[in-house]
Amino acid sequence: LRFDERIISTRMACMGYNEKAFIDNLLRTNRFEIKNGVLMLMENETI
C-alpha cells in the first residue's frame, strides 16, 4: 500500500497538533495488515 504524495487538504490552523507528522506517516506506508479487525499501516515490519 502506497499513498500518493499529492495529498490535498484544507489548511486550518490547529494549535498543538503536528499534522505534518501524521501526513509523513501516511507517506512512509508501504504495506498494511488487517488482524482482528485492526488495520495496521506499516513501513516494512514497523507499525
All heavy atoms as atom14 arrays in JSON, in Angstrom:
{
  "sequence": "LRFDERIISTRMACMGYNEKAFIDNLLRTNRFEIKNGVLMLMENETI",
  "atom14_mask": [
    [1, 1, 1, 1, 1, 1, 1, 1, 0, 0, 0, 0, 0, 0],
    [1, 1, 1, 1, 1, 1, 1, 1, 1, 1, 1, 0, 0, 0],
    [1, 1, 1, 1, 1, 1, 1, 1, 1, 1, 1, 0, 0, 0],
    [1, 1, 1, 1, 1, 1, 1, 1, 0, 0, 0, 0, 0, 0],
    [1, 1, 1, 1, 1, 1, 1, 1, 1, 0, 0, 0, 0, 0],
    [1, 1, 1, 1, 1, 1, 1, 1, 1, 1, 1, 0, 0, 0],
    [1, 1, 1, 1, 1, 1, 1, 1, 0, 0, 0, 0, 0, 0],
    [1, 1, 1, 1, 1, 1, 1, 1, 0, 0, 0, 0, 0, 0],
    [1, 1, 1, 1, 1, 1, 0, 0, 0, 0, 0, 0, 0, 0],
    [1, 1, 1, 1, 1, 1, 1, 0, 0, 0, 0, 0, 0, 0],
    [1, 1, 1, 1, 1, 1, 1, 1, 1, 1, 1, 0, 0, 0],
    [1, 1, 1, 1, 1, 1, 1, 1, 0, 0, 0, 0, 0, 0],
    [1, 1, 1, 1, 1, 0, 0, 0, 0, 0, 0, 0, 0, 0],
    [1, 1, 1, 1, 1, 1, 0, 0, 0, 0, 0, 0, 0, 0],
    [1, 1, 1, 1, 1, 1, 1, 1, 0, 0, 0, 0, 0, 0],
    [1, 1, 1, 1, 0, 0, 0, 0, 0, 0, 0, 0, 0, 0],
    [1, 1, 1, 1, 1, 1, 1, 1, 1, 1, 1, 1, 0, 0],
    [1, 1, 1, 1, 1, 1, 1, 1, 0, 0, 0, 0, 0, 0],
    [1, 1, 1, 1, 1, 1, 1, 1, 1, 0, 0, 0, 0, 0],
    [1, 1, 1, 1, 1, 1, 1, 1, 1, 0, 0, 0, 0, 0],
    [1, 1, 1, 1, 1, 0, 0, 0, 0, 0, 0, 0, 0, 0],
    [1, 1, 1, 1, 1, 1, 1, 1, 1, 1, 1, 0, 0, 0],
    [1, 1, 1, 1, 1, 1, 1, 1, 0, 0, 0, 0, 0, 0],
    [1, 1, 1, 1, 1, 1, 1, 1, 0, 0, 0, 0, 0, 0],
    [1, 1, 1, 1, 1, 1, 1, 1, 0, 0, 0, 0, 0, 0],
    [1, 1, 1, 1, 1, 1, 1, 1, 0, 0, 0, 0, 0, 0],
    [1, 1, 1, 1, 1, 1, 1, 1, 0, 0, 0, 0, 0, 0],
    [1, 1, 1, 1, 1, 1, 1, 1, 1, 1, 1, 0, 0, 0],
    [1, 1, 1, 1, 1, 1, 1, 0, 0, 0, 0, 0, 0, 0],
    [1, 1, 1, 1, 1, 1, 1, 1, 0, 0, 0, 0, 0, 0],
    [1, 1, 1, 1, 1, 1, 1, 1, 1, 1, 1, 0, 0, 0],
    [1, 1, 1, 1, 1, 1, 1, 1, 1, 1, 1, 0, 0, 0],
    [1, 1, 1, 1, 1, 1, 1, 1, 1, 0, 0, 0, 0, 0],
    [1, 1, 1, 1, 1, 1, 1, 1, 0, 0, 0, 0, 0, 0],
    [1, 1, 1, 1, 1, 1, 1, 1, 1, 0, 0, 0, 0, 0],
    [1, 1, 1, 1, 1, 1, 1, 1, 0, 0, 0, 0, 0, 0],
    [1, 1, 1, 1, 0, 0, 0, 0, 0, 0, 0, 0, 0, 0],
    [1, 1, 1, 1, 1, 1, 1, 0, 0, 0, 0, 0, 0, 0],
    [1, 1, 1, 1, 1, 1, 1, 1, 0, 0, 0, 0, 0, 0],
    [1, 1, 1, 1, 1, 1, 1, 1, 0, 0, 0, 0, 0, 0],
    [1, 1, 1, 1, 1, 1, 1, 1, 0, 0, 0, 0, 0, 0],
    [1, 1, 1, 1, 1, 1, 1, 1, 0, 0, 0, 0, 0, 0],
    [1, 1, 1, 1, 1, 1, 1, 1, 1, 0, 0, 0, 0, 0],
    [1, 1, 1, 1, 1, 1, 1, 1, 0, 0, 0, 0, 0, 0],
    [1, 1, 1, 1, 1, 1, 1, 1, 1, 0, 0, 0, 0, 0],
    [1, 1, 1, 1, 1, 1, 1, 0, 0, 0, 0, 0, 0, 0],
    [1, 1, 1, 1, 1, 1, 1, 1, 0, 0, 0, 0, 0, 0]
  ],
  "atom14_positions": [
    [[0.85, -1.19, 0.0], [0.0, 0.0, 0.0], [0.88, 1.24, 0.0], [1.77, 1.36, 0.84], [-0.9, 0.01, 1.23], [-1.78, 1.24, 1.43], [-2.86, 1.33, 0.34], [-2.43, 1.22, 2.8], [0.0, 0.0, 0.0], [0.0, 0.0, 0.0], [0.0, 0.0, 0.0], [0.0, 0.0, 0.0], [0.0, 0.0, 0.0], [0.0, 0.0, 0.0]],
    [[0.64, 2.11, -0.95], [1.39, 3.38, -1.03], [0.4, 4.51, -1.25], [-0.49, 4.42, -2.09], [2.38, 3.36, -2.17], [3.49, 2.35, -1.97], [4.81, 2.98, -2.33], [5.88, 2.05, -2.12], [6.82, 2.23, -1.21], [6.82, 3.29, -0.47], [7.78, 1.35, -1.06], [0.0, 0.0, 0.0], [0.0, 0.0, 0.0], [0.0, 0.0, 0.0]],
    [[0.59, 5.59, -0.48], [-0.2, 6.8, -0.66], [0.54, 7.71, -1.62], [1.75, 7.89, -1.51], [-0.39, 7.52, 0.68], [-1.29, 6.78, 1.63], [-0.77, 5.84, 2.51], [-2.65, 7.02, 1.63], [-1.59, 5.16, 3.39], [-3.49, 6.33, 2.51], [-2.95, 5.4, 3.38], [0.0, 0.0, 0.0], [0.0, 0.0, 0.0], [0.0, 0.0, 0.0]],
    [[-0.2, 8.27, -2.57], [0.39, 9.24, -3.5], [0.75, 10.5, -2.71], [-0.02, 10.95, -1.85], [-0.62, 9.58, -4.6], [-0.04, 10.44, -5.69], [0.35, 11.59, -5.39], [0.03, 9.98, -6.84], [0.0, 0.0, 0.0], [0.0, 0.0, 0.0], [0.0, 0.0, 0.0], [0.0, 0.0, 0.0], [0.0, 0.0, 0.0], [0.0, 0.0, 0.0]],
    [[1.9, 11.06, -2.98], [2.37, 12.23, -2.22], [1.54, 13.48, -2.46], [1.64, 14.44, -1.69], [3.84, 12.51, -2.52], [4.11, 12.89, -3.95], [5.59, 13.0, -4.27], [6.4, 12.35, -3.6], [5.91, 13.74, -5.21], [0.0, 0.0, 0.0], [0.0, 0.0, 0.0], [0.0, 0.0, 0.0], [0.0, 0.0, 0.0], [0.0, 0.0, 0.0]],
    [[0.7, 13.48, -3.47], [-0.13, 14.66, -3.76], [-1.43, 14.61, -2.98], [-2.51, 14.53, -3.54], [-0.39, 14.75, -5.26], [0.88, 14.98, -6.06], [0.64, 14.82, -7.53], [0.36, 13.38, -7.76], [0.27, 12.83, -8.94], [0.39, 13.54, -10.01], [0.03, 11.54, -9.06], [0.0, 0.0, 0.0], [0.0, 0.0, 0.0], [0.0, 0.0, 0.0]],
    [[-1.32, 14.67, -1.66], [-2.49, 14.69, -0.79], [-3.01, 16.12, -0.72], [-2.26, 17.05, -0.46], [-2.13, 14.18, 0.63], [-1.71, 12.71, 0.53], [-3.32, 14.35, 1.58], [-1.18, 12.13, 1.84], [0.0, 0.0, 0.0], [0.0, 0.0, 0.0], [0.0, 0.0, 0.0], [0.0, 0.0, 0.0], [0.0, 0.0, 0.0], [0.0, 0.0, 0.0]],
    [[-4.29, 16.27, -0.97], [-4.93, 17.59, -0.94], [-5.62, 17.73, 0.42], [-6.29, 16.79, 0.88], [-5.97, 17.72, -2.07], [-5.28, 17.56, -3.43], [-6.71, 19.05, -1.98], [-6.26, 17.39, -4.58], [0.0, 0.0, 0.0], [0.0, 0.0, 0.0], [0.0, 0.0, 0.0], [0.0, 0.0, 0.0], [0.0, 0.0, 0.0], [0.0, 0.0, 0.0]],
    [[-5.45, 18.88, 1.06], [-6.12, 19.07, 2.35], [-6.51, 20.53, 2.54], [-5.96, 21.42, 1.9], [-5.22, 18.62, 3.51], [-4.14, 19.5, 3.68], [0.0, 0.0, 0.0], [0.0, 0.0, 0.0], [0.0, 0.0, 0.0], [0.0, 0.0, 0.0], [0.0, 0.0, 0.0], [0.0, 0.0, 0.0], [0.0, 0.0, 0.0], [0.0, 0.0, 0.0]],
    [[-7.48, 20.72, 3.43], [-7.83, 22.08, 3.82], [-6.67, 22.61, 4.66], [-5.77, 21.84, 5.03], [-9.14, 22.09, 4.62], [-9.02, 21.2, 5.72], [-10.33, 21.69, 3.75], [0.0, 0.0, 0.0], [0.0, 0.0, 0.0], [0.0, 0.0, 0.0], [0.0, 0.0, 0.0], [0.0, 0.0, 0.0], [0.0, 0.0, 0.0], [0.0, 0.0, 0.0]],
    [[-6.65, 23.89, 4.95], [-5.49, 24.49, 5.63], [-5.86, 25.26, 6.9], [-5.4, 26.37, 7.11], [-4.76, 25.44, 4.66], [-4.19, 24.76, 3.45], [-2.99, 23.96, 3.85], [-2.42, 23.32, 2.67], [-1.65, 22.28, 2.72], [-1.33, 21.74, 3.88], [-1.17, 21.75, 1.62], [0.0, 0.0, 0.0], [0.0, 0.0, 0.0], [0.0, 0.0, 0.0]],
    [[-6.67, 24.64, 7.76], [-6.99, 25.29, 9.03], [-5.78, 25.17, 9.95], [-5.07, 24.17, 9.93], [-8.18, 24.6, 9.71], [-9.48, 24.77, 8.95], [-10.93, 24.18, 9.87], [-10.37, 22.79, 10.78], [0.0, 0.0, 0.0], [0.0, 0.0, 0.0], [0.0, 0.0, 0.0], [0.0, 0.0, 0.0], [0.0, 0.0, 0.0], [0.0, 0.0, 0.0]],
    [[-5.58, 26.18, 10.75], [-4.5, 26.13, 11.75], [-5.0, 25.34, 12.95], [-6.11, 25.55, 13.43], [-4.12, 27.54, 12.18], [0.0, 0.0, 0.0], [0.0, 0.0, 0.0], [0.0, 0.0, 0.0], [0.0, 0.0, 0.0], [0.0, 0.0, 0.0], [0.0, 0.0, 0.0], [0.0, 0.0, 0.0], [0.0, 0.0, 0.0], [0.0, 0.0, 0.0]],
    [[-4.19, 24.4, 13.41], [-4.57, 23.56, 14.54], [-3.46, 23.62, 15.58], [-2.44, 22.94, 15.45], [-4.79, 22.12, 14.08], [-6.11, 21.99, 12.87], [0.0, 0.0, 0.0], [0.0, 0.0, 0.0], [0.0, 0.0, 0.0], [0.0, 0.0, 0.0], [0.0, 0.0, 0.0], [0.0, 0.0, 0.0], [0.0, 0.0, 0.0], [0.0, 0.0, 0.0]],
    [[-3.68, 24.42, 16.56], [-2.68, 24.6, 17.61], [-2.47, 23.31, 18.39], [-3.42, 22.61, 18.72], [-3.11, 25.73, 18.56], [-3.34, 27.07, 17.86], [-1.97, 27.61, 16.81], [-0.78, 28.03, 18.06], [0.0, 0.0, 0.0], [0.0, 0.0, 0.0], [0.0, 0.0, 0.0], [0.0, 0.0, 0.0], [0.0, 0.0, 0.0], [0.0, 0.0, 0.0]],
    [[-1.23, 22.97, 18.64], [-0.9, 21.79, 19.43], [-1.0, 20.48, 18.68], [-0.99, 19.41, 19.29], [0.0, 0.0, 0.0], [0.0, 0.0, 0.0], [0.0, 0.0, 0.0], [0.0, 0.0, 0.0], [0.0, 0.0, 0.0], [0.0, 0.0, 0.0], [0.0, 0.0, 0.0], [0.0, 0.0, 0.0], [0.0, 0.0, 0.0], [0.0, 0.0, 0.0]],
    [[-1.11, 20.52, 17.35], [-1.25, 19.29, 16.58], [-0.21, 19.28, 15.47], [-0.11, 20.22, 14.7], [-2.66, 19.18, 15.99], [-2.89, 17.91, 15.21], [-2.84, 16.68, 15.85], [-3.14, 17.93, 13.86], [-3.04, 15.5, 15.15], [-3.35, 16.76, 13.15], [-3.3, 15.55, 13.79], [-3.5, 14.39, 13.1], [0.0, 0.0, 0.0], [0.0, 0.0, 0.0]],
    [[0.55, 18.2, 15.38], [1.6, 18.08, 14.38], [1.06, 17.32, 13.16], [1.26, 16.12, 13.02], [2.82, 17.38, 14.96], [4.01, 17.4, 14.0], [3.89, 17.79, 12.85], [5.15, 16.98, 14.5], [0.0, 0.0, 0.0], [0.0, 0.0, 0.0], [0.0, 0.0, 0.0], [0.0, 0.0, 0.0], [0.0, 0.0, 0.0], [0.0, 0.0, 0.0]],
    [[0.35, 18.04, 12.32], [-0.26, 17.43, 11.15], [0.78, 16.91, 10.16], [0.56, 15.9, 9.5], [-1.18, 18.45, 10.47], [-2.0, 17.85, 9.36], [-3.02, 18.82, 8.83], [-2.62, 19.87, 8.3], [-4.21, 18.53, 8.97], [0.0, 0.0, 0.0], [0.0, 0.0, 0.0], [0.0, 0.0, 0.0], [0.0, 0.0, 0.0], [0.0, 0.0, 0.0]],
    [[1.91, 17.58, 10.08], [2.97, 17.14, 9.16], [3.43, 15.73, 9.51], [3.62, 14.89, 8.63], [4.15, 18.11, 9.18], [5.26, 17.72, 8.21], [6.41, 18.69, 8.23], [7.54, 18.36, 7.29], [7.78, 16.99, 6.94], [0.0, 0.0, 0.0], [0.0, 0.0, 0.0], [0.0, 0.0, 0.0], [0.0, 0.0, 0.0], [0.0, 0.0, 0.0]],
    [[3.58, 15.42, 10.79], [3.97, 14.08, 11.22], [2.93, 13.04, 10.8], [3.27, 11.94, 10.37], [4.2, 14.04, 12.72], [0.0, 0.0, 0.0], [0.0, 0.0, 0.0], [0.0, 0.0, 0.0], [0.0, 0.0, 0.0], [0.0, 0.0, 0.0], [0.0, 0.0, 0.0], [0.0, 0.0, 0.0], [0.0, 0.0, 0.0], [0.0, 0.0, 0.0]],
    [[1.65, 13.4, 10.9], [0.57, 12.5, 10.5], [0.67, 12.19, 9.0], [0.65, 11.02, 8.59], [-0.79, 13.13, 10.83], [-1.96, 12.31, 10.37], [-2.47, 11.3, 11.16], [-2.55, 12.55, 9.14], [-3.54, 10.53, 10.73], [-3.62, 11.8, 8.7], [-4.13, 10.78, 9.5], [0.0, 0.0, 0.0], [0.0, 0.0, 0.0], [0.0, 0.0, 0.0]],
    [[0.8, 13.23, 8.18], [0.9, 13.06, 6.72], [2.17, 12.29, 6.36], [2.15, 11.4, 5.51], [0.85, 14.43, 5.99], [-0.5, 15.13, 6.23], [1.13, 14.27, 4.5], [-1.7, 14.46, 5.6], [0.0, 0.0, 0.0], [0.0, 0.0, 0.0], [0.0, 0.0, 0.0], [0.0, 0.0, 0.0], [0.0, 0.0, 0.0], [0.0, 0.0, 0.0]],
    [[3.28, 12.63, 7.02], [4.54, 11.92, 6.75], [4.41, 10.43, 7.02], [4.95, 9.61, 6.26], [5.68, 12.51, 7.59], [6.14, 13.86, 7.09], [5.75, 14.26, 5.97], [6.89, 14.54, 7.83], [0.0, 0.0, 0.0], [0.0, 0.0, 0.0], [0.0, 0.0, 0.0], [0.0, 0.0, 0.0], [0.0, 0.0, 0.0], [0.0, 0.0, 0.0]],
    [[3.68, 10.05, 8.08], [3.48, 8.63, 8.35], [2.66, 7.96, 7.26], [2.93, 6.81, 6.9], [2.82, 8.42, 9.72], [3.84, 8.23, 10.81], [5.02, 8.02, 10.57], [3.39, 8.32, 12.04], [0.0, 0.0, 0.0], [0.0, 0.0, 0.0], [0.0, 0.0, 0.0], [0.0, 0.0, 0.0], [0.0, 0.0, 0.0], [0.0, 0.0, 0.0]],
    [[1.66, 8.64, 6.74], [0.91, 8.07, 5.62], [1.84, 7.83, 4.44], [1.8, 6.78, 3.8], [-0.24, 9.0, 5.19], [-1.45, 9.11, 6.11], [-2.49, 10.04, 5.5], [-2.06, 7.75, 6.42], [0.0, 0.0, 0.0], [0.0, 0.0, 0.0], [0.0, 0.0, 0.0], [0.0, 0.0, 0.0], [0.0, 0.0, 0.0], [0.0, 0.0, 0.0]],
    [[2.7, 8.82, 4.16], [3.59, 8.71, 3.0], [4.7, 7.67, 3.2], [5.23, 7.14, 2.22], [4.2, 10.08, 2.68], [3.19, 11.14, 2.24], [3.87, 12.49, 2.06], [2.48, 10.71, 0.96], [0.0, 0.0, 0.0], [0.0, 0.0, 0.0], [0.0, 0.0, 0.0], [0.0, 0.0, 0.0], [0.0, 0.0, 0.0], [0.0, 0.0, 0.0]],
    [[5.03, 7.35, 4.43], [6.02, 6.3, 4.71], [5.43, 4.91, 4.54], [6.17, 3.93, 4.41], [6.55, 6.45, 6.14], [7.47, 7.63, 6.33], [7.9, 7.82, 7.77], [8.36, 6.58, 8.41], [8.39, 6.4, 9.72], [7.98, 7.35, 10.55], [8.83, 5.27, 10.23], [0.0, 0.0, 0.0], [0.0, 0.0, 0.0], [0.0, 0.0, 0.0]],
    [[4.12, 4.79, 4.57], [3.45, 3.49, 4.48], [3.82, 2.79, 3.18], [3.75, 3.38, 2.1], [1.92, 3.68, 4.55], [1.58, 4.32, 5.79], [1.18, 2.36, 4.43], [0.0, 0.0, 0.0], [0.0, 0.0, 0.0], [0.0, 0.0, 0.0], [0.0, 0.0, 0.0], [0.0, 0.0, 0.0], [0.0, 0.0, 0.0], [0.0, 0.0, 0.0]],
    [[4.22, 1.51, 3.29], [4.47, 0.72, 2.09], [3.75, -0.63, 2.12], [3.81, -1.39, 1.16], [5.97, 0.53, 1.82], [6.7, -0.2, 2.93], [6.09, -0.79, 3.81], [8.01, -0.14, 2.87], [0.0, 0.0, 0.0], [0.0, 0.0, 0.0], [0.0, 0.0, 0.0], [0.0, 0.0, 0.0], [0.0, 0.0, 0.0], [0.0, 0.0, 0.0]],
    [[3.07, -0.91, 3.24], [2.27, -2.14, 3.31], [1.24, -2.01, 4.42], [1.28, -1.04, 5.19], [3.15, -3.36, 3.52], [3.98, -3.37, 4.77], [4.93, -4.57, 4.85], [4.24, -5.83, 5.06], [3.95, -6.33, 6.26], [4.27, -5.68, 7.35], [3.32, -7.48, 6.37], [0.0, 0.0, 0.0], [0.0, 0.0, 0.0], [0.0, 0.0, 0.0]],
    [[0.34, -2.98, 4.47], [-0.68, -2.97, 5.52], [-1.01, -4.4, 5.9], [-0.76, -5.34, 5.15], [-1.94, -2.23, 5.07], [-2.78, -3.01, 4.1], [-3.9, -3.72, 4.53], [-2.48, -3.04, 2.75], [-4.67, -4.45, 3.64], [-3.24, -3.76, 1.85], [-4.35, -4.47, 2.3], [0.0, 0.0, 0.0], [0.0, 0.0, 0.0], [0.0, 0.0, 0.0]],
    [[-1.59, -4.54, 7.08], [-2.13, -5.81, 7.56], [-3.44, -5.51, 8.26], [-3.58, -4.45, 8.87], [-1.2, -6.5, 8.56], [0.03, -7.12, 7.97], [0.87, -7.86, 9.0], [0.34, -8.23, 10.09], [2.06, -8.05, 8.73], [0.0, 0.0, 0.0], [0.0, 0.0, 0.0], [0.0, 0.0, 0.0], [0.0, 0.0, 0.0], [0.0, 0.0, 0.0]],
    [[-4.37, -6.45, 8.18], [-5.6, -6.35, 8.96], [-5.66, -7.6, 9.82], [-5.71, -8.71, 9.3], [-6.85, -6.24, 8.06], [-6.77, -4.99, 7.19], [-8.12, -6.24, 8.91], [-7.88, -4.85, 6.17], [0.0, 0.0, 0.0], [0.0, 0.0, 0.0], [0.0, 0.0, 0.0], [0.0, 0.0, 0.0], [0.0, 0.0, 0.0], [0.0, 0.0, 0.0]],
    [[-5.59, -7.41, 11.14], [-5.66, -8.52, 12.09], [-6.7, -8.2, 13.14], [-6.66, -7.13, 13.75], [-4.3, -8.73, 12.77], [-3.25, -9.35, 11.89], [-2.01, -9.68, 12.69], [-0.95, -10.28, 11.78], [0.32, -10.47, 12.49], [0.0, 0.0, 0.0], [0.0, 0.0, 0.0], [0.0, 0.0, 0.0], [0.0, 0.0, 0.0], [0.0, 0.0, 0.0]],
    [[-7.61, -9.14, 13.35], [-8.66, -8.98, 14.36], [-9.4, -7.66, 14.21], [-9.7, -6.99, 15.2], [-8.08, -9.11, 15.77], [-7.44, -10.46, 15.99], [-7.96, -11.48, 15.55], [-6.31, -10.48, 16.68], [0.0, 0.0, 0.0], [0.0, 0.0, 0.0], [0.0, 0.0, 0.0], [0.0, 0.0, 0.0], [0.0, 0.0, 0.0], [0.0, 0.0, 0.0]],
    [[-9.65, -7.25, 12.96], [-10.41, -6.03, 12.72], [-9.61, -4.75, 12.88], [-10.17, -3.66, 12.83], [0.0, 0.0, 0.0], [0.0, 0.0, 0.0], [0.0, 0.0, 0.0], [0.0, 0.0, 0.0], [0.0, 0.0, 0.0], [0.0, 0.0, 0.0], [0.0, 0.0, 0.0], [0.0, 0.0, 0.0], [0.0, 0.0, 0.0], [0.0, 0.0, 0.0]],
    [[-8.29, -4.86, 13.05], [-7.44, -3.68, 13.2], [-6.57, -3.56, 11.95], [-5.84, -4.48, 11.59], [-6.55, -3.79, 14.46], [-5.61, -2.59, 14.56], [-7.41, -3.9, 15.72], [0.0, 0.0, 0.0], [0.0, 0.0, 0.0], [0.0, 0.0, 0.0], [0.0, 0.0, 0.0], [0.0, 0.0, 0.0], [0.0, 0.0, 0.0], [0.0, 0.0, 0.0]],
    [[-6.67, -2.4, 11.3], [-5.84, -2.09, 10.13], [-4.54, -1.49, 10.64], [-4.55, -0.51, 11.4], [-6.56, -1.08, 9.23], [-5.72, -0.39, 8.16], [-5.21, -1.4, 7.13], [-6.53, 0.7, 7.48], [0.0, 0.0, 0.0], [0.0, 0.0, 0.0], [0.0, 0.0, 0.0], [0.0, 0.0, 0.0], [0.0, 0.0, 0.0], [0.0, 0.0, 0.0]],
    [[-3.43, -2.08, 10.24], [-2.12, -1.56, 10.62], [-1.42, -1.05, 9.36], [-1.18, -1.82, 8.44], [-1.29, -2.65, 11.3], [-1.85, -3.07, 12.64], [-1.02, -4.5, 13.35], [-1.69, -5.82, 12.35], [0.0, 0.0, 0.0], [0.0, 0.0, 0.0], [0.0, 0.0, 0.0], [0.0, 0.0, 0.0], [0.0, 0.0, 0.0], [0.0, 0.0, 0.0]],
    [[-1.15, 0.26, 9.33], [-0.36, 0.84, 8.26], [1.09, 0.69, 8.67], [1.46, 1.03, 9.8], [-0.73, 2.3, 8.04], [-2.19, 2.57, 7.65], [-2.4, 4.06, 7.39], [-2.59, 1.75, 6.43], [0.0, 0.0, 0.0], [0.0, 0.0, 0.0], [0.0, 0.0, 0.0], [0.0, 0.0, 0.0], [0.0, 0.0, 0.0], [0.0, 0.0, 0.0]],
    [[1.91, 0.16, 7.76], [3.27, -0.21, 8.14], [4.31, 0.3, 7.14], [4.0, 0.52, 5.97], [3.36, -1.73, 8.23], [2.33, -2.35, 9.16], [2.25, -4.13, 9.08], [3.7, -4.55, 10.01], [0.0, 0.0, 0.0], [0.0, 0.0, 0.0], [0.0, 0.0, 0.0], [0.0, 0.0, 0.0], [0.0, 0.0, 0.0], [0.0, 0.0, 0.0]],
    [[5.53, 0.43, 7.66], [6.71, 0.63, 6.82], [7.57, -0.6, 7.05], [8.13, -0.76, 8.15], [7.46, 1.9, 7.2], [8.69, 2.13, 6.34], [9.45, 3.39, 6.72], [9.54, 3.7, 7.93], [9.98, 4.04, 5.8], [0.0, 0.0, 0.0], [0.0, 0.0, 0.0], [0.0, 0.0, 0.0], [0.0, 0.0, 0.0], [0.0, 0.0, 0.0]],
    [[7.61, -1.49, 6.06], [8.24, -2.8, 6.2], [7.6, -3.54, 7.37], [6.43, -3.84, 7.32], [9.76, -2.67, 6.31], [10.33, -1.96, 5.09], [9.89, -2.16, 3.98], [11.32, -1.1, 5.31], [0.0, 0.0, 0.0], [0.0, 0.0, 0.0], [0.0, 0.0, 0.0], [0.0, 0.0, 0.0], [0.0, 0.0, 0.0], [0.0, 0.0, 0.0]],
    [[8.33, -3.8, 8.46], [7.77, -4.51, 9.61], [7.37, -3.57, 10.75], [6.88, -4.02, 11.78], [8.77, -5.55, 10.12], [9.09, -6.64, 9.1], [7.84, -7.38, 8.62], [7.01, -7.79, 9.46], [7.7, -7.55, 7.39], [0.0, 0.0, 0.0], [0.0, 0.0, 0.0], [0.0, 0.0, 0.0], [0.0, 0.0, 0.0], [0.0, 0.0, 0.0]],
    [[7.59, -2.27, 10.58], [7.29, -1.29, 11.62], [5.85, -0.79, 11.49], [5.46, -0.29, 10.43], [8.26, -0.1, 11.55], [9.59, -0.58, 11.64], [7.99, 0.91, 12.65], [0.0, 0.0, 0.0], [0.0, 0.0, 0.0], [0.0, 0.0, 0.0], [0.0, 0.0, 0.0], [0.0, 0.0, 0.0], [0.0, 0.0, 0.0], [0.0, 0.0, 0.0]],
    [[5.08, -0.9, 12.55], [3.7, -0.39, 12.55], [3.76, 1.12, 12.75], [4.31, 1.61, 13.73], [2.87, -1.05, 13.66], [2.77, -2.55, 13.42], [1.47, -0.41, 13.73], [2.15, -3.33, 14.56], [0.0, 0.0, 0.0], [0.0, 0.0, 0.0], [0.0, 0.0, 0.0], [0.0, 0.0, 0.0], [0.0, 0.0, 0.0], [0.0, 0.0, 0.0]]
  ]
}
